[in-house]
Amino acid sequence: MEMKTALALGKAGVDTEAALRRLGGNTMLYEKVLIKFLDDQSFSEIGPALEQDDFETALKAAHTLKGVSANLGMNRLADACARIVSQIRAEKTEEAKTAYPELADAYNAVCAVLADEKADE
């Protein structure tokens, strides 16, 4: 992973060092999984589900995205997902809707870096 990419990911709330430790230091695997993250559909389900008051779907998608992002060191994104998950579980659905823009910002920040990296390949 290029230093420029690692720094950009860090600014987007990604702890690349922790994620690499989880993957046994395998940089090539980490890069491959990060690029594959762009294909994950969980994020695209959360916003529409919240808008339609489909909290079961929003909960499932946010929980999935939380796990994936946490494993990849995307702490800011994982934390935003965790807030939505806990708010839905506590039946604080309006707060979950209000928290969604923070999740979207975190997701978009990570994806912008990853899309740049993918374009450079």
C-alpha atoms as a PDB file:
ATOM      1  CA  MET A   1       0.000   0.000   0.000  1.00  0.00           C
ATOM      2  CA  GLU A   2       1.381   3.361  -0.966  1.00  0.00           C
ATOM      3  CA  MET A   3       2.111   5.832   1.810  1.00  0.00           C
ATOM      4  CA  LYS A   4      -0.177   8.379   0.117  1.00  0.00           C
ATOM      5  CA  THR A   5      -3.087   5.924   0.267  1.00  0.00           C
ATOM      6  CA  ALA A   6      -2.378   4.963   3.876  1.00  0.00           C
ATOM      7  CA  LEU A   7      -2.329   8.641   4.885  1.00  0.00           C
ATOM      8  CA  ALA A   8      -5.553   9.358   3.002  1.00  0.00           C
ATOM      9  CA  LEU A   9      -7.222   6.352   4.631  1.00  0.00           C
ATOM     10  CA  GLY A  10      -6.030   7.587   8.028  1.00  0.00           C
ATOM     11  CA  LYS A  11      -7.664  10.965   7.386  1.00  0.00           C
ATOM     12  CA  ALA A  12     -10.869   9.085   6.501  1.00  0.00           C
ATOM     13  CA  GLY A  13     -10.846   7.374   9.913  1.00  0.00           C
ATOM     14  CA  VAL A  14      -9.168   4.104   8.926  1.00  0.00           C
ATOM     15  CA  ASP A  15      -6.626   2.452  11.231  1.00  0.00           C
ATOM     16  CA  THR A  16      -4.618   0.583   8.618  1.00  0.00           C
ATOM     17  CA  GLU A  17      -2.063  -0.681  11.137  1.00  0.00           C
ATOM     18  CA  ALA A  18      -4.706  -2.405  13.272  1.00  0.00           C
ATOM     19  CA  ALA A  19      -6.359  -3.917  10.206  1.00  0.00           C
ATOM     20  CA  LEU A  20      -3.024  -5.205   8.929  1.00  0.00           C
ATOM     21  CA  ARG A  21      -2.347  -6.807  12.318  1.00  0.00           C
ATOM     22  CA  ARG A  22      -5.694  -8.627  12.022  1.00  0.00           C
ATOM     23  CA  LEU A  23      -4.582  -9.904   8.624  1.00  0.00           C
ATOM     24  CA  GLY A  24      -1.185 -11.051   9.827  1.00  0.00           C
ATOM     25  CA  GLY A  25       0.566  -8.156   8.104  1.00  0.00           C
ATOM     26  CA  ASN A  26      -0.535  -9.320   4.650  1.00  0.00           C
ATOM     27  CA  THR A  27      -0.597  -6.001   2.773  1.00  0.00           C
ATOM     28  CA  MET A  28      -1.636  -7.554  -0.540  1.00  0.00           C
ATOM     29  CA  LEU A  29      -4.647  -9.229   1.069  1.00  0.00           C
ATOM     30  CA  TYR A  30      -5.626  -5.999   2.826  1.00  0.00           C
ATOM     31  CA  GLU A  31      -5.472  -4.031  -0.424  1.00  0.00           C
ATOM     32  CA  LYS A  32      -7.553  -6.677  -2.195  1.00  0.00           C
ATOM     33  CA  VAL A  33     -10.205  -6.701   0.548  1.00  0.00           C
ATOM     34  CA  LEU A  34     -10.317  -2.894   0.660  1.00  0.00           C
ATOM     35  CA  ILE A  35     -11.024  -2.691  -3.067  1.00  0.00           C
ATOM     36  CA  LYS A  36     -13.655  -5.438  -2.740  1.00  0.00           C
ATOM     37  CA  PHE A  37     -15.311  -3.308  -0.022  1.00  0.00           C
ATOM     38  CA  LEU A  38     -16.467  -0.969  -2.788  1.00  0.00           C
ATOM     39  CA  ASP A  39     -18.774  -3.759  -4.039  1.00  0.00           C
ATOM     40  CA  ASP A  40     -20.506  -4.263  -0.679  1.00  0.00           C
ATOM     41  CA  GLN A  41     -24.207  -3.374  -0.908  1.00  0.00           C
ATOM     42  CA  SER A  42     -24.929  -2.879   2.796  1.00  0.00           C
ATOM     43  CA  PHE A  43     -24.525   0.901   2.744  1.00  0.00           C
ATOM     44  CA  SER A  44     -26.879   1.332  -0.206  1.00  0.00           C
ATOM     45  CA  GLU A  45     -29.635  -0.419   1.754  1.00  0.00           C
ATOM     46  CA  ILE A  46     -29.458   1.678   4.930  1.00  0.00           C
ATOM     47  CA  GLY A  47     -30.632   5.103   3.694  1.00  0.00           C
ATOM     48  CA  PRO A  48     -33.655   3.890   1.729  1.00  0.00           C
ATOM     49  CA  ALA A  49     -34.647   1.525   4.543  1.00  0.00           C
ATOM     50  CA  LEU A  50     -34.550   4.356   7.094  1.00  0.00           C
ATOM     51  CA  GLU A  51     -36.576   6.612   4.772  1.00  0.00           C
ATOM     52  CA  GLN A  52     -39.211   3.887   4.388  1.00  0.00           C
ATOM     53  CA  ASP A  53     -39.262   3.110   8.135  1.00  0.00           C
ATOM     54  CA  ASP A  54     -38.017  -0.398   7.331  1.00  0.00           C
ATOM     55  CA  PHE A  55     -35.938  -0.611  10.473  1.00  0.00           C
ATOM     56  CA  GLU A  56     -35.383  -4.357  10.245  1.00  0.00           C
ATOM     57  CA  THR A  57     -33.570  -3.959   6.921  1.00  0.00           C
ATOM     58  CA  ALA A  58     -31.712  -0.869   8.149  1.00  0.00           C
ATOM     59  CA  LEU A  59     -30.608  -2.733  11.282  1.00  0.00           C
ATOM     60  CA  LYS A  60     -29.391  -5.760   9.347  1.00  0.00           C
ATOM     61  CA  ALA A  61     -27.494  -3.660   6.788  1.00  0.00           C
ATOM     62  CA  ALA A  62     -25.964  -1.333   9.405  1.00  0.00           C
ATOM     63  CA  HIS A  63     -24.912  -4.307  11.529  1.00  0.00           C
ATOM     64  CA  THR A  64     -23.291  -5.994   8.516  1.00  0.00           C
ATOM     65  CA  LEU A  65     -21.499  -2.802   7.502  1.00  0.00           C
ATOM     66  CA  LYS A  66     -20.372  -2.279  11.100  1.00  0.00           C
ATOM     67  CA  GLY A  67     -18.704  -5.694  11.193  1.00  0.00           C
ATOM     68  CA  VAL A  68     -17.036  -5.383   7.815  1.00  0.00           C
ATOM     69  CA  SER A  69     -15.802  -1.856   8.448  1.00  0.00           C
ATOM     70  CA  ALA A  70     -14.510  -2.701  11.939  1.00  0.00           C
ATOM     71  CA  ASN A  71     -12.520  -5.637  10.590  1.00  0.00           C
ATOM     72  CA  LEU A  72     -10.986  -3.391   7.923  1.00  0.00           C
ATOM     73  CA  GLY A  73      -9.965  -0.739  10.457  1.00  0.00           C
ATOM     74  CA  MET A  74     -12.629   1.747   9.333  1.00  0.00           C
ATOM     75  CA  ASN A  75     -13.246   2.950  12.864  1.00  0.00           C
ATOM     76  CA  ARG A  76     -15.144   6.144  12.054  1.00  0.00           C
ATOM     77  CA  LEU A  77     -17.521   4.220   9.802  1.00  0.00           C
ATOM     78  CA  ALA A  78     -17.881   1.322  12.241  1.00  0.00           C
ATOM     79  CA  ASP A  79     -18.687   3.755  15.072  1.00  0.00           C
ATOM     80  CA  ALA A  80     -21.333   5.511  12.972  1.00  0.00           C
ATOM     81  CA  CYS A  81     -22.886   2.139  12.108  1.00  0.00           C
ATOM     82  CA  ALA A  82     -22.810   1.086  15.759  1.00  0.00           C
ATOM     83  CA  ARG A  83     -24.737   4.231  16.746  1.00  0.00           C
ATOM     84  CA  ILE A  84     -27.468   3.490  14.217  1.00  0.00           C
ATOM     85  CA  VAL A  85     -27.633  -0.160  15.268  1.00  0.00           C
ATOM     86  CA  SER A  86     -27.971   0.743  18.945  1.00  0.00           C
ATOM     87  CA  GLN A  87     -30.553   3.456  18.239  1.00  0.00           C
ATOM     88  CA  ILE A  88     -32.722   1.113  16.196  1.00  0.00           C
ATOM     89  CA  ARG A  89     -32.433  -1.606  18.841  1.00  0.00           C
ATOM     90  CA  ALA A  90     -33.473   0.947  21.477  1.00  0.00           C
ATOM     91  CA  GLU A  91     -36.407   1.920  19.232  1.00  0.00           C
ATOM     92  CA  LYS A  92     -35.000   5.446  18.877  1.00  0.00           C
ATOM     93  CA  THR A  93     -35.746   5.406  15.189  1.00  0.00           C
ATOM     94  CA  GLU A  94     -35.827   9.176  14.658  1.00  0.00           C
ATOM     95  CA  GLU A  95     -32.346   9.425  16.184  1.00  0.00           C
ATOM     96  CA  ALA A  96     -31.191   6.666  13.835  1.00  0.00           C
ATOM     97  CA  LYS A  97     -32.477   8.688  10.891  1.00  0.00           C
ATOM     98  CA  THR A  98     -30.736  11.801  12.214  1.00  0.00           C
ATOM     99  CA  ALA A  99     -27.459   9.871  12.600  1.00  0.00           C
ATOM    100  CA  TYR A 100     -27.486   8.597   9.026  1.00  0.00           C
ATOM    101  CA  PRO A 101     -25.689  11.612   7.454  1.00  0.00           C
ATOM    102  CA  GLU A 102     -22.689  10.983   9.723  1.00  0.00           C
ATOM    103  CA  LEU A 103     -22.591   7.365   8.529  1.00  0.00           C
ATOM    104  CA  ALA A 104     -22.882   8.506   4.914  1.00  0.00           C
ATOM    105  CA  ASP A 105     -20.032  11.006   5.361  1.00  0.00           C
ATOM    106  CA  ALA A 106     -17.764   8.348   6.876  1.00  0.00           C
ATOM    107  CA  TYR A 107     -18.641   5.854   4.146  1.00  0.00           C
ATOM    108  CA  ASN A 108     -18.131   8.356   1.339  1.00  0.00           C
ATOM    109  CA  ALA A 109     -14.760   9.468   2.752  1.00  0.00           C
ATOM    110  CA  VAL A 110     -13.469   5.884   2.746  1.00  0.00           C
ATOM    111  CA  CYS A 111     -14.911   5.095  -0.680  1.00  0.00           C
ATOM    112  CA  ALA A 112     -13.377   8.222  -2.228  1.00  0.00           C
ATOM    113  CA  VAL A 113      -9.901   7.079  -1.165  1.00  0.00           C
ATOM    114  CA  LEU A 114     -10.529   3.510  -2.303  1.00  0.00           C
ATOM    115  CA  ALA A 115     -11.934   4.616  -5.659  1.00  0.00           C
ATOM    116  CA  ASP A 116      -8.810   6.734  -6.236  1.00  0.00           C
ATOM    117  CA  GLU A 117      -6.630   3.749  -5.348  1.00  0.00           C
ATOM    118  CA  LYS A 118      -8.595   1.483  -7.685  1.00  0.00           C
ATOM    119  CA  ALA A 119      -8.290   4.015 -10.519  1.00  0.00           C
ATOM    120  CA  ASP A 120      -4.512   4.096 -10.031  1.00  0.00           C
ATOM    121  CA  GLU A 121      -4.197   0.320 -10.497  1.00  0.00           C
END
